[in-house]
């Protein structure tokens, strides 16, 4: 069993900000929450600022699965036709990027 303890300088609990909150974790689950803990318990990792439970891992790219196969074809994106193309795709009319070709459009 993996056990860890944390001390939050401030923690959002039940809709209010509480100062000095001790948290015990076992096997990735919160097993104890103690309010009014003015100093970190021995061995606790100190979390400065405001700790908000449940938001630590809320980031997701799941929506990319829904878009797969649509954006690559250029559908659904705003702007002129051809404005969104994969890197390295030549521009219409053979124009080149001045930053990649210092000799100017058409270059050598």
C-alpha atoms as a PDB file:
ATOM      1  CA  UNK A   1       0.000   0.000   0.000  1.00  0.00           C
ATOM      2  CA  UNK A   2       1.380   3.407  -1.013  1.00  0.00           C
ATOM      3  CA  UNK A   3       0.703   6.125   1.547  1.00  0.00           C
ATOM      4  CA  UNK A   4       1.386   9.852   1.240  1.00  0.00           C
ATOM      5  CA  UNK A   5       0.411  12.907   3.185  1.00  0.00           C
ATOM      6  CA  UNK A   6      -0.027  16.497   2.070  1.00  0.00           C
ATOM      7  CA  UNK A   7      -0.595  19.776   3.826  1.00  0.00           C
ATOM      8  CA  UNK A   8      -2.492  22.406   1.854  1.00  0.00           C
ATOM      9  CA  UNK A   9      -1.820  26.013   2.781  1.00  0.00           C
ATOM     10  CA  UNK A  10      -5.414  26.677   1.649  1.00  0.00           C
ATOM     11  CA  UNK A  11      -7.951  24.152   0.339  1.00  0.00           C
ATOM     12  CA  UNK A  12     -11.375  24.526  -1.264  1.00  0.00           C
ATOM     13  CA  UNK A  13     -13.698  22.345   0.826  1.00  0.00           C
ATOM     14  CA  UNK A  14     -17.491  22.339   0.710  1.00  0.00           C
ATOM     15  CA  UNK A  15     -17.630  25.672  -1.119  1.00  0.00           C
ATOM     16  CA  UNK A  16     -15.285  27.585   1.208  1.00  0.00           C
ATOM     17  CA  UNK A  17     -11.553  28.181   1.422  1.00  0.00           C
ATOM     18  CA  UNK A  18     -10.084  26.570   4.529  1.00  0.00           C
ATOM     19  CA  UNK A  19      -6.580  27.382   5.806  1.00  0.00           C
ATOM     20  CA  UNK A  20      -4.230  24.582   6.912  1.00  0.00           C
ATOM     21  CA  UNK A  21      -5.701  21.318   5.650  1.00  0.00           C
ATOM     22  CA  UNK A  22      -3.937  17.959   6.083  1.00  0.00           C
ATOM     23  CA  UNK A  23      -4.678  15.200   3.565  1.00  0.00           C
ATOM     24  CA  UNK A  24      -3.819  11.508   3.836  1.00  0.00           C
ATOM     25  CA  UNK A  25      -3.687   9.394   0.679  1.00  0.00           C
ATOM     26  CA  UNK A  26      -3.505   5.591   0.397  1.00  0.00           C
ATOM     27  CA  UNK A  27      -3.287   3.809  -2.959  1.00  0.00           C
ATOM     28  CA  UNK A  28      -4.299   6.977  -4.808  1.00  0.00           C
ATOM     29  CA  UNK A  29      -7.423   7.625  -2.720  1.00  0.00           C
ATOM     30  CA  UNK A  30      -8.016  10.308  -0.099  1.00  0.00           C
ATOM     31  CA  UNK A  31      -8.428   8.542   3.247  1.00  0.00           C
ATOM     32  CA  UNK A  32      -8.507  11.538   5.616  1.00  0.00           C
ATOM     33  CA  UNK A  33      -9.041  15.313   5.467  1.00  0.00           C
ATOM     34  CA  UNK A  34      -8.224  17.313   8.595  1.00  0.00           C
ATOM     35  CA  UNK A  35      -9.080  21.030   8.806  1.00  0.00           C
ATOM     36  CA  UNK A  36      -7.480  23.508  11.194  1.00  0.00           C
ATOM     37  CA  UNK A  37      -4.006  21.994  10.947  1.00  0.00           C
ATOM     38  CA  UNK A  38      -1.823  25.095  11.453  1.00  0.00           C
ATOM     39  CA  UNK A  39       1.524  23.443  10.571  1.00  0.00           C
ATOM     40  CA  UNK A  40       2.391  20.630   8.155  1.00  0.00           C
ATOM     41  CA  UNK A  41       2.502  17.182   9.789  1.00  0.00           C
ATOM     42  CA  UNK A  42       5.953  15.520   9.772  1.00  0.00           C
ATOM     43  CA  UNK A  43       6.755  14.125   6.308  1.00  0.00           C
ATOM     44  CA  UNK A  44       3.837  15.855   4.579  1.00  0.00           C
ATOM     45  CA  UNK A  45       4.410  17.436   1.175  1.00  0.00           C
ATOM     46  CA  UNK A  46       3.506  21.132   1.412  1.00  0.00           C
ATOM     47  CA  UNK A  47       1.088  22.483  -1.215  1.00  0.00           C
ATOM     48  CA  UNK A  48       1.379  26.281  -1.345  1.00  0.00           C
ATOM     49  CA  UNK A  49      -1.453  28.479  -2.562  1.00  0.00           C
ATOM     50  CA  UNK A  50      -4.979  27.158  -3.090  1.00  0.00           C
ATOM     51  CA  UNK A  51      -5.592  23.425  -3.578  1.00  0.00           C
ATOM     52  CA  UNK A  52      -8.798  22.616  -5.449  1.00  0.00           C
ATOM     53  CA  UNK A  53      -9.815  18.936  -5.264  1.00  0.00           C
ATOM     54  CA  UNK A  54     -10.851  17.174  -8.437  1.00  0.00           C
ATOM     55  CA  UNK A  55      -9.228  19.531 -10.932  1.00  0.00           C
ATOM     56  CA  UNK A  56      -5.698  18.147 -10.890  1.00  0.00           C
ATOM     57  CA  UNK A  57      -6.296  15.831 -13.862  1.00  0.00           C
ATOM     58  CA  UNK A  58      -9.289  17.321 -15.659  1.00  0.00           C
ATOM     59  CA  UNK A  59      -7.462  18.050 -18.937  1.00  0.00           C
ATOM     60  CA  UNK A  60      -8.548  15.889 -21.879  1.00  0.00           C
ATOM     61  CA  UNK A  61      -8.063  15.613 -25.614  1.00  0.00           C
ATOM     62  CA  UNK A  62     -11.026  13.259 -26.085  1.00  0.00           C
ATOM     63  CA  UNK A  63     -12.673  15.717 -28.506  1.00  0.00           C
ATOM     64  CA  UNK A  64      -9.826  15.049 -30.967  1.00  0.00           C
ATOM     65  CA  UNK A  65     -11.301  11.600 -31.582  1.00  0.00           C
ATOM     66  CA  UNK A  66     -14.539  13.203 -32.767  1.00  0.00           C
ATOM     67  CA  UNK A  67     -12.629  15.519 -35.136  1.00  0.00           C
ATOM     68  CA  UNK A  68     -10.351  12.816 -36.555  1.00  0.00           C
ATOM     69  CA  UNK A  69     -10.633  12.725 -40.328  1.00  0.00           C
ATOM     70  CA  UNK A  70     -12.540  15.998 -40.679  1.00  0.00           C
ATOM     71  CA  UNK A  71     -10.072  18.817 -40.081  1.00  0.00           C
ATOM     72  CA  UNK A  72      -7.278  17.227 -42.114  1.00  0.00           C
ATOM     73  CA  UNK A  73      -9.463  17.531 -45.214  1.00  0.00           C
ATOM     74  CA  UNK A  74     -10.015  21.221 -44.549  1.00  0.00           C
ATOM     75  CA  UNK A  75     -13.686  20.983 -43.679  1.00  0.00           C
ATOM     76  CA  UNK A  76     -15.158  23.120 -40.963  1.00  0.00           C
ATOM     77  CA  UNK A  77     -12.309  25.600 -40.571  1.00  0.00           C
ATOM     78  CA  UNK A  78     -12.900  29.317 -41.136  1.00  0.00           C
ATOM     79  CA  UNK A  79     -10.880  31.393 -43.576  1.00  0.00           C
ATOM     80  CA  UNK A  80     -10.143  31.379 -47.297  1.00  0.00           C
ATOM     81  CA  UNK A  81      -9.850  28.092 -49.149  1.00  0.00           C
ATOM     82  CA  UNK A  82      -6.359  26.674 -48.787  1.00  0.00           C
ATOM     83  CA  UNK A  83      -5.520  28.773 -45.719  1.00  0.00           C
ATOM     84  CA  UNK A  84      -5.304  25.651 -43.565  1.00  0.00           C
ATOM     85  CA  UNK A  85      -2.994  23.106 -45.155  1.00  0.00           C
ATOM     86  CA  UNK A  86      -0.477  20.652 -43.758  1.00  0.00           C
ATOM     87  CA  UNK A  87       3.050  21.925 -43.142  1.00  0.00           C
ATOM     88  CA  UNK A  88       5.230  21.698 -46.238  1.00  0.00           C
ATOM     89  CA  UNK A  89       2.317  21.867 -48.687  1.00  0.00           C
ATOM     90  CA  UNK A  90       3.091  24.353 -51.489  1.00  0.00           C
ATOM     91  CA  UNK A  91       1.019  27.513 -51.654  1.00  0.00           C
ATOM     92  CA  UNK A  92      -1.336  27.998 -54.592  1.00  0.00           C
ATOM     93  CA  UNK A  93       0.500  29.501 -57.581  1.00  0.00           C
ATOM     94  CA  UNK A  94       3.901  28.324 -56.356  1.00  0.00           C
ATOM     95  CA  UNK A  95       4.491  31.277 -53.989  1.00  0.00           C
ATOM     96  CA  UNK A  96       7.097  30.548 -51.325  1.00  0.00           C
ATOM     97  CA  UNK A  97       7.528  31.742 -47.780  1.00  0.00           C
ATOM     98  CA  UNK A  98      10.121  34.563 -47.581  1.00  0.00           C
ATOM     99  CA  UNK A  99      11.341  33.261 -44.237  1.00  0.00           C
ATOM    100  CA  UNK A 100      12.289  29.933 -45.762  1.00  0.00           C
ATOM    101  CA  UNK A 101      13.569  31.422 -49.020  1.00  0.00           C
ATOM    102  CA  UNK A 102      15.461  34.709 -48.448  1.00  0.00           C
ATOM    103  CA  UNK A 103      15.740  35.368 -52.188  1.00  0.00           C
ATOM    104  CA  UNK A 104      12.013  36.202 -52.321  1.00  0.00           C
ATOM    105  CA  UNK A 105       8.897  34.776 -53.956  1.00  0.00           C
ATOM    106  CA  UNK A 106       9.686  32.305 -56.675  1.00  0.00           C
ATOM    107  CA  UNK A 107      13.303  32.196 -55.367  1.00  0.00           C
ATOM    108  CA  UNK A 108      15.956  29.873 -56.611  1.00  0.00           C
END
